[in-house]
Amino acid sequence: MLNRLSSRGFTLVELMVVITIIGILMLIGVPEFRTWQANAQIRSVAEILQNDLRQSRAEAVRRNRQVALVLTDETPVGDAEFNAKTPARNWVVLALPLLDGDEDDNETSGSTGFVTNHVQSDDSRVRITGSRKAICFNSVGRLTARAQIGNAKGESCTAAAFDFDVKRTDFADDNTDIHRLRIQVRPGGQVRMCDTQKKSPAPDACQS
């Protein structure tokens, strides 16, 4: 008798109860997972951008010439021209000629020396907004002005402090669960990542 009871399996009612519980748990968990995924994507892009800014500064010192990081939605490689843009999904790092318009003065014999780029997938909703479209470091690692950036179709740089905001475009700005990270670059070349939602004295709060 006991063996027959223990082997009878689930009733339809029991199965429906289990399915209902699983559905409720999924309804609770999916928004949390979506928030976690969004924050992970934002931090990943922000960290890569921070590293590429530091690499740009190091390359400028190593090459003894100006190096620019330019925001764009295109996928620039080599000497191809492209449009600078903000907000943007991608960016490119370029080693510039010593003088504006000197197309022959480059290690790669082109108008602008391609160093590296970062290209997000087409379905990525992470965007970078800069206070300008391009930033330039000089041979001592400081921000510098530049009248034009060869392949970036006439884009220019200033020596003023620069901020890059990294966020997901599919979440409202007042959603406190989604982080909005900022990369701050100061005239001396210092690069720092901070969280715009945190306040001083938090060590990762943004500074004016």
C-alpha atoms as a PDB file:
ATOM      1  CA  MET A   1       0.000   0.000   0.000  1.00  0.00           C
ATOM      2  CA  LEU A   2       2.775   2.418   0.948  1.00  0.00           C
ATOM      3  CA  ASN A   3       4.730   1.579  -2.196  1.00  0.00           C
ATOM      4  CA  ARG A   4       1.712   2.321  -4.382  1.00  0.00           C
ATOM      5  CA  LEU A   5       1.153   5.704  -2.683  1.00  0.00           C
ATOM      6  CA  SER A   6       4.788   6.709  -2.959  1.00  0.00           C
ATOM      7  CA  SER A   7       4.956   5.945  -6.689  1.00  0.00           C
ATOM      8  CA  ARG A   8       1.754   7.646  -7.812  1.00  0.00           C
ATOM      9  CA  GLY A   9       3.601  10.924  -8.866  1.00  0.00           C
ATOM     10  CA  PHE A  10       2.171  14.480  -8.913  1.00  0.00           C
ATOM     11  CA  THR A  11      -1.496  15.322  -9.293  1.00  0.00           C
ATOM     12  CA  LEU A  12      -2.564  18.006 -11.755  1.00  0.00           C
ATOM     13  CA  VAL A  13      -3.325  20.386  -8.873  1.00  0.00           C
ATOM     14  CA  GLU A  14       0.149  19.895  -7.378  1.00  0.00           C
ATOM     15  CA  LEU A  15       1.746  20.476 -10.767  1.00  0.00           C
ATOM     16  CA  MET A  16      -0.211  23.710 -11.271  1.00  0.00           C
ATOM     17  CA  VAL A  17       0.819  24.938  -7.816  1.00  0.00           C
ATOM     18  CA  VAL A  18       4.495  24.317  -8.626  1.00  0.00           C
ATOM     19  CA  ILE A  19       4.178  26.101 -11.995  1.00  0.00           C
ATOM     20  CA  THR A  20       2.459  29.061 -10.311  1.00  0.00           C
ATOM     21  CA  ILE A  21       5.202  29.344  -7.704  1.00  0.00           C
ATOM     22  CA  ILE A  22       7.884  29.201 -10.401  1.00  0.00           C
ATOM     23  CA  GLY A  23       6.043  31.928 -12.358  1.00  0.00           C
ATOM     24  CA  ILE A  24       5.870  34.187  -9.292  1.00  0.00           C
ATOM     25  CA  LEU A  25       9.573  33.702  -8.591  1.00  0.00           C
ATOM     26  CA  MET A  26      10.408  34.549 -12.195  1.00  0.00           C
ATOM     27  CA  LEU A  27       8.281  37.723 -12.060  1.00  0.00           C
ATOM     28  CA  ILE A  28      10.172  38.778  -8.952  1.00  0.00           C
ATOM     29  CA  GLY A  29      13.607  37.782 -10.242  1.00  0.00           C
ATOM     30  CA  VAL A  30      13.550  39.008 -13.862  1.00  0.00           C
ATOM     31  CA  PRO A  31      13.529  42.775 -13.032  1.00  0.00           C
ATOM     32  CA  GLU A  32      16.354  42.235 -10.535  1.00  0.00           C
ATOM     33  CA  PHE A  33      18.384  40.333 -13.129  1.00  0.00           C
ATOM     34  CA  ARG A  34      17.733  43.042 -15.746  1.00  0.00           C
ATOM     35  CA  THR A  35      18.973  45.711 -13.324  1.00  0.00           C
ATOM     36  CA  TRP A  36      22.067  43.680 -12.469  1.00  0.00           C
ATOM     37  CA  GLN A  37      22.792  43.078 -16.152  1.00  0.00           C
ATOM     38  CA  ALA A  38      22.418  46.789 -16.997  1.00  0.00           C
ATOM     39  CA  ASN A  39      24.772  47.849 -14.208  1.00  0.00           C
ATOM     40  CA  ALA A  40      27.309  45.207 -15.232  1.00  0.00           C
ATOM     41  CA  GLN A  41      27.261  46.452 -18.841  1.00  0.00           C
ATOM     42  CA  ILE A  42      27.639  50.077 -17.784  1.00  0.00           C
ATOM     43  CA  ARG A  43      30.600  49.277 -15.520  1.00  0.00           C
ATOM     44  CA  SER A  44      32.259  47.128 -18.171  1.00  0.00           C
ATOM     45  CA  VAL A  45      32.120  49.891 -20.802  1.00  0.00           C
ATOM     46  CA  ALA A  46      33.190  52.542 -18.272  1.00  0.00           C
ATOM     47  CA  GLU A  47      36.213  50.488 -17.197  1.00  0.00           C
ATOM     48  CA  ILE A  48      37.286  49.874 -20.807  1.00  0.00           C
ATOM     49  CA  LEU A  49      36.933  53.602 -21.567  1.00  0.00           C
ATOM     50  CA  GLN A  50      38.944  54.499 -18.470  1.00  0.00           C
ATOM     51  CA  ASN A  51      41.701  52.069 -19.504  1.00  0.00           C
ATOM     52  CA  ASP A  52      41.758  53.401 -23.090  1.00  0.00           C
ATOM     53  CA  LEU A  53      42.032  56.981 -21.818  1.00  0.00           C
ATOM     54  CA  ARG A  54      44.997  55.975 -19.684  1.00  0.00           C
ATOM     55  CA  GLN A  55      46.492  54.136 -22.653  1.00  0.00           C
ATOM     56  CA  SER A  56      45.998  57.262 -24.794  1.00  0.00           C
ATOM     57  CA  ARG A  57      47.904  59.330 -22.271  1.00  0.00           C
ATOM     58  CA  ALA A  58      50.694  56.744 -22.039  1.00  0.00           C
ATOM     59  CA  GLU A  59      50.931  56.517 -25.851  1.00  0.00           C
ATOM     60  CA  ALA A  60      51.229  60.297 -26.127  1.00  0.00           C
ATOM     61  CA  VAL A  61      54.203  60.254 -23.753  1.00  0.00           C
ATOM     62  CA  ARG A  62      55.774  57.186 -25.363  1.00  0.00           C
ATOM     63  CA  ARG A  63      55.432  58.457 -28.939  1.00  0.00           C
ATOM     64  CA  ASN A  64      56.280  62.066 -28.012  1.00  0.00           C
ATOM     65  CA  ARG A  65      53.271  63.338 -29.960  1.00  0.00           C
ATOM     66  CA  GLN A  66      49.618  64.162 -29.416  1.00  0.00           C
ATOM     67  CA  VAL A  67      47.130  61.307 -29.088  1.00  0.00           C
ATOM     68  CA  ALA A  68      43.355  61.730 -29.342  1.00  0.00           C
ATOM     69  CA  LEU A  69      40.405  59.649 -28.164  1.00  0.00           C
ATOM     70  CA  VAL A  70      37.333  60.381 -30.302  1.00  0.00           C
ATOM     71  CA  LEU A  71      33.713  59.307 -29.726  1.00  0.00           C
ATOM     72  CA  THR A  72      31.855  57.890 -32.739  1.00  0.00           C
ATOM     73  CA  ASP A  73      29.104  55.491 -33.773  1.00  0.00           C
ATOM     74  CA  GLU A  74      31.233  54.190 -36.640  1.00  0.00           C
ATOM     75  CA  THR A  75      33.995  51.542 -36.679  1.00  0.00           C
ATOM     76  CA  PRO A  76      37.087  53.467 -37.793  1.00  0.00           C
ATOM     77  CA  VAL A  77      40.241  51.508 -38.670  1.00  0.00           C
ATOM     78  CA  GLY A  78      43.413  52.722 -40.382  1.00  0.00           C
ATOM     79  CA  ASP A  79      43.177  56.000 -42.306  1.00  0.00           C
ATOM     80  CA  ALA A  80      39.441  55.922 -43.069  1.00  0.00           C
ATOM     81  CA  GLU A  81      37.562  59.127 -42.284  1.00  0.00           C
ATOM     82  CA  PHE A  82      34.724  58.975 -39.786  1.00  0.00           C
ATOM     83  CA  ASN A  83      32.235  61.233 -38.028  1.00  0.00           C
ATOM     84  CA  ALA A  84      32.776  62.154 -34.394  1.00  0.00           C
ATOM     85  CA  LYS A  85      29.585  61.996 -32.315  1.00  0.00           C
ATOM     86  CA  THR A  86      28.180  62.379 -28.820  1.00  0.00           C
ATOM     87  CA  PRO A  87      26.334  60.490 -27.395  1.00  0.00           C
ATOM     88  CA  ALA A  88      28.119  57.593 -29.036  1.00  0.00           C
ATOM     89  CA  ARG A  89      28.477  53.821 -28.807  1.00  0.00           C
ATOM     90  CA  ASN A  90      32.146  53.480 -29.837  1.00  0.00           C
ATOM     91  CA  TRP A  91      35.450  55.326 -29.700  1.00  0.00           C
ATOM     92  CA  VAL A  92      38.838  55.312 -31.430  1.00  0.00           C
ATOM     93  CA  VAL A  93      42.353  56.281 -30.276  1.00  0.00           C
ATOM     94  CA  LEU A  94      44.568  58.070 -32.822  1.00  0.00           C
ATOM     95  CA  ALA A  95      48.225  59.172 -32.790  1.00  0.00           C
ATOM     96  CA  LEU A  96      48.270  62.596 -34.446  1.00  0.00           C
ATOM     97  CA  PRO A  97      50.836  64.293 -36.693  1.00  0.00           C
ATOM     98  CA  LEU A  98      53.131  66.742 -34.912  1.00  0.00           C
ATOM     99  CA  LEU A  99      51.538  69.654 -36.761  1.00  0.00           C
ATOM    100  CA  ASP A 100      47.916  70.230 -37.809  1.00  0.00           C
ATOM    101  CA  GLY A 101      47.468  69.313 -41.456  1.00  0.00           C
ATOM    102  CA  ASP A 102      50.871  67.618 -41.815  1.00  0.00           C
ATOM    103  CA  GLU A 103      49.659  64.409 -43.401  1.00  0.00           C
ATOM    104  CA  ASP A 104      53.155  63.053 -44.111  1.00  0.00           C
ATOM    105  CA  ASP A 105      54.365  63.289 -40.522  1.00  0.00           C
ATOM    106  CA  ASN A 106      53.155  59.996 -39.108  1.00  0.00           C
ATOM    107  CA  GLU A 107      54.628  56.645 -38.160  1.00  0.00           C
ATOM    108  CA  THR A 108      52.130  54.863 -40.415  1.00  0.00           C
ATOM    109  CA  SER A 109      52.534  57.292 -43.369  1.00  0.00           C
ATOM    110  CA  GLY A 110      48.856  58.240 -43.162  1.00  0.00           C
ATOM    111  CA  SER A 111      46.978  61.318 -42.037  1.00  0.00           C
ATOM    112  CA  THR A 112      46.333  59.853 -38.590  1.00  0.00           C
ATOM    113  CA  GLY A 113      47.866  56.830 -36.864  1.00  0.00           C
ATOM    114  CA  PHE A 114      45.320  54.295 -35.682  1.00  0.00           C
ATOM    115  CA  VAL A 115      46.164  53.027 -32.177  1.00  0.00           C
ATOM    116  CA  THR A 116      43.067  51.132 -31.000  1.00  0.00           C
ATOM    117  CA  ASN A 117      39.287  51.309 -30.866  1.00  0.00           C
ATOM    118  CA  HIS A 118      36.376  49.917 -28.915  1.00  0.00           C
ATOM    119  CA  VAL A 119      33.268  48.785 -30.806  1.00  0.00           C
ATOM    120  CA  GLN A 120      30.119  47.700 -29.002  1.00  0.00           C
ATOM    121  CA  SER A 121      27.608  45.292 -30.486  1.00  0.00           C
ATOM    122  CA  ASP A 122      24.776  46.809 -32.528  1.00  0.00           C
ATOM    123  CA  ASP A 123      22.212  45.871 -29.886  1.00  0.00           C
ATOM    124  CA  SER A 124      24.083  47.522 -27.003  1.00  0.00           C
ATOM    125  CA  ARG A 125      22.131  50.281 -25.267  1.00  0.00           C
ATOM    126  CA  VAL A 126      25.133  51.686 -23.398  1.00  0.00           C
ATOM    127  CA  ARG A 127      26.038  55.177 -24.614  1.00  0.00           C
ATOM    128  CA  ILE A 128      28.895  57.546 -23.802  1.00  0.00           C
ATOM    129  CA  THR A 129      28.169  61.266 -23.651  1.00  0.00           C
ATOM    130  CA  GLY A 130      31.163  63.600 -23.631  1.00  0.00           C
ATOM    131  CA  SER A 131      31.311  67.300 -22.844  1.00  0.00           C
ATOM    132  CA  ARG A 132      33.066  67.292 -26.245  1.00  0.00           C
ATOM    133  CA  LYS A 133      33.431  64.661 -28.975  1.00  0.00           C
ATOM    134  CA  ALA A 134      37.223  64.344 -28.682  1.00  0.00           C
ATOM    135  CA  ILE A 135      39.992  64.634 -26.124  1.00  0.00           C
ATOM    136  CA  CYS A 136      43.719  65.103 -26.809  1.00  0.00           C
ATOM    137  CA  PHE A 137      46.802  64.383 -24.686  1.00  0.00           C
ATOM    138  CA  ASN A 138      50.179  65.986 -25.398  1.00  0.00           C
ATOM    139  CA  SER A 139      53.674  64.485 -25.113  1.00  0.00           C
ATOM    140  CA  VAL A 140      53.851  65.131 -21.350  1.00  0.00           C
ATOM    141  CA  GLY A 141      50.444  63.530 -20.701  1.00  0.00           C
ATOM    142  CA  ARG A 142      48.393  66.699 -20.232  1.00  0.00           C
ATOM    143  CA  LEU A 143      45.198  67.721 -22.015  1.00  0.00           C
ATOM    144  CA  THR A 144      45.916  69.955 -24.968  1.00  0.00           C
ATOM    145  CA  ALA A 145      44.115  72.004 -27.601  1.00  0.00           C
ATOM    146  CA  ARG A 146      44.093  70.837 -31.209  1.00  0.00           C
ATOM    147  CA  ALA A 147      42.609  72.688 -34.182  1.00  0.00           C
ATOM    148  CA  GLN A 148      41.760  69.531 -36.107  1.00  0.00           C
ATOM    149  CA  ILE A 149      41.956  65.764 -35.741  1.00  0.00           C
ATOM    150  CA  GLY A 150      42.714  64.430 -39.216  1.00  0.00           C
ATOM    151  CA  ASN A 151      40.390  61.509 -39.871  1.00  0.00           C
ATOM    152  CA  ALA A 152      37.695  62.791 -37.506  1.00  0.00           C
ATOM    153  CA  LYS A 153      36.489  65.240 -40.179  1.00  0.00           C
ATOM    154  CA  GLY A 154      37.637  68.483 -38.628  1.00  0.00           C
ATOM    155  CA  GLU A 155      36.900  67.692 -34.987  1.00  0.00           C
ATOM    156  CA  SER A 156      38.992  69.659 -32.474  1.00  0.00           C
ATOM    157  CA  CYS A 157      40.199  69.470 -28.852  1.00  0.00           C
ATOM    158  CA  THR A 158      40.480  71.927 -25.975  1.00  0.00           C
ATOM    159  CA  ALA A 159      42.706  71.755 -22.895  1.00  0.00           C
ATOM    160  CA  ALA A 160      39.760  72.101 -20.495  1.00  0.00           C
ATOM    161  CA  ALA A 161      38.655  69.433 -18.014  1.00  0.00           C
ATOM    162  CA  PHE A 162      36.545  66.739 -19.646  1.00  0.00           C
ATOM    163  CA  ASP A 163      33.765  64.385 -18.476  1.00  0.00           C
ATOM    164  CA  PHE A 164      32.415  61.208 -20.097  1.00  0.00           C
ATOM    165  CA  ASP A 165      29.038  59.968 -18.813  1.00  0.00           C
ATOM    166  CA  VAL A 166      28.289  56.263 -19.340  1.00  0.00           C
ATOM    167  CA  LYS A 167      24.688  55.079 -19.027  1.00  0.00           C
ATOM    168  CA  ARG A 168      21.981  52.832 -20.473  1.00  0.00           C
ATOM    169  CA  THR A 169      19.538  54.665 -22.737  1.00  0.00           C
ATOM    170  CA  ASP A 170      16.618  52.332 -21.998  1.00  0.00           C
ATOM    171  CA  PHE A 171      16.335  53.329 -18.319  1.00  0.00           C
ATOM    172  CA  ALA A 172      14.999  56.633 -16.994  1.00  0.00           C
ATOM    173  CA  ASP A 173      17.516  59.021 -15.438  1.00  0.00           C
ATOM    174  CA  ASP A 174      15.560  58.995 -12.169  1.00  0.00           C
ATOM    175  CA  ASN A 175      15.885  55.198 -11.788  1.00  0.00           C
ATOM    176  CA  THR A 176      18.096  54.996  -8.711  1.00  0.00           C
ATOM    177  CA  ASP A 177      18.766  51.264  -9.207  1.00  0.00           C
ATOM    178  CA  ILE A 178      20.755  51.939 -12.385  1.00  0.00           C
ATOM    179  CA  HIS A 179      24.221  53.414 -11.944  1.00  0.00           C
ATOM    180  CA  ARG A 180      25.369  56.326 -14.073  1.00  0.00           C
ATOM    181  CA  LEU A 181      29.132  56.277 -14.119  1.00  0.00           C
ATOM    182  CA  ARG A 182      31.363  59.167 -15.117  1.00  0.00           C
ATOM    183  CA  ILE A 183      34.972  59.257 -16.274  1.00  0.00           C
ATOM    184  CA  GLN A 184      36.598  62.528 -15.244  1.00  0.00           C
ATOM    185  CA  VAL A 185      39.719  63.746 -17.048  1.00  0.00           C
ATOM    186  CA  ARG A 186      41.472  66.784 -15.624  1.00  0.00           C
ATOM    187  CA  PRO A 187      43.849  69.207 -17.414  1.00  0.00           C
ATOM    188  CA  GLY A 188      46.889  67.514 -15.845  1.00  0.00           C
ATOM    189  CA  GLY A 189      45.829  64.219 -17.488  1.00  0.00           C
ATOM    190  CA  GLN A 190      44.435  62.497 -14.383  1.00  0.00           C
ATOM    191  CA  VAL A 191      41.721  59.947 -15.231  1.00  0.00           C
ATOM    192  CA  ARG A 192      39.172  58.902 -12.595  1.00  0.00           C
ATOM    193  CA  MET A 193      35.906  56.931 -12.610  1.00  0.00           C
ATOM    194  CA  CYS A 194      33.093  57.985 -10.265  1.00  0.00           C
ATOM    195  CA  ASP A 195      29.388  57.363  -9.616  1.00  0.00           C
ATOM    196  CA  THR A 196      27.138  60.392 -10.212  1.00  0.00           C
ATOM    197  CA  GLN A 197      24.558  59.086  -7.723  1.00  0.00           C
ATOM    198  CA  LYS A 198      26.966  59.058  -4.782  1.00  0.00           C
ATOM    199  CA  LYS A 199      27.719  62.057  -2.608  1.00  0.00           C
ATOM    200  CA  SER A 200      30.866  63.162  -0.820  1.00  0.00           C
ATOM    201  CA  PRO A 201      32.580  61.881   1.325  1.00  0.00           C
ATOM    202  CA  ALA A 202      32.094  58.571  -0.564  1.00  0.00           C
ATOM    203  CA  PRO A 203      35.473  57.840  -2.223  1.00  0.00           C
ATOM    204  CA  ASP A 204      33.859  57.151  -5.605  1.00  0.00           C
ATOM    205  CA  ALA A 205      31.585  60.216  -5.582  1.00  0.00           C
ATOM    206  CA  CYS A 206      32.079  62.600  -8.507  1.00  0.00           C
ATOM    207  CA  GLN A 207      34.063  65.751  -7.814  1.00  0.00           C
ATOM    208  CA  SER A 208      33.368  69.127  -9.336  1.00  0.00           C
END
